[in-house]
Amino acid sequence: MGLIDYGAGNLVSVAQGLEIAGAAVRPVRRAGDLAGLELVVVPGVGAAAPAMARLEEAGLVEPLQAWLVEDRPFLGICLGLQLLFEGSDEDDAIMLGAIPGRVRLLTGGRRLPHIGWNQVERRRGHPAFAGIPNGADFYFVHSYAGRPEHPYTDDVVLGETTDGGRFVSAIARSRLLGVQFHPERSGPHGLRFLRNVVGLVRDDRFPREIPSPAVEVVA
């Protein structure tokens, strides 16, 4: 399983979390490193425009877009989720464009950035959250969040979080997953999430259709 190394921070902690979850992790620094991978993970902290510039410099933008078009397993974490959208209000970055919509500044919260533990309320069931109670706490560090455009909202939004206003904190579409929180810093629930994702990849159990709106809470 490949971890995109584009200088966007938190690589070591994400790699450790994936390894604890049972994955064999290797860094991806150029397009050729994608060969033979079962899963691509794009982590990251920071701003979208510098991140996209580093991906472009590494020759990874078009290969990642092709990976997404081919519906191959993908996990975006924090900035890695935001990069899936078309653009960002933070710095007018043009991003990967896999999800119609933009990344916008959080509003109404107690402070920016939004830092600390907060609940993820699921809008529908998904095996990536198997064994994790609905409304479980995860760890966040961000000031912006992706906002899918209608009519795609119901198709991709998996979870939402409230900090003043509500924002999208998890998305899922076929074999694409993205979370605004940091599973590698979210204790047992975060580790369970990573284990679930690793298992979905190994067993090819990603749902290929939009699941039922009903949320099934598994103890």
Foldseek 3Di string as FASTA:
>chain_A
DEEEPLPFDPPVLVCVLLVVLPDDYDYDQALVVPPPDQEYEYEHDDDDASSVVSCVVRHNLVVVLVCVVVLGAYEYEAVGQQLCEQAEPVPGDGHNHNFYFYKYFDPQAPDPPPFAKWFWAFQAAFQLQAQPFGRDIFTAHHGIATDGDPPCCVQWQTTWTDGRHIGGAWTDAQNYIYGNGDLSRGPPSSSSSSSSNVVCSVVVPGDNGRHDSDYDGHD
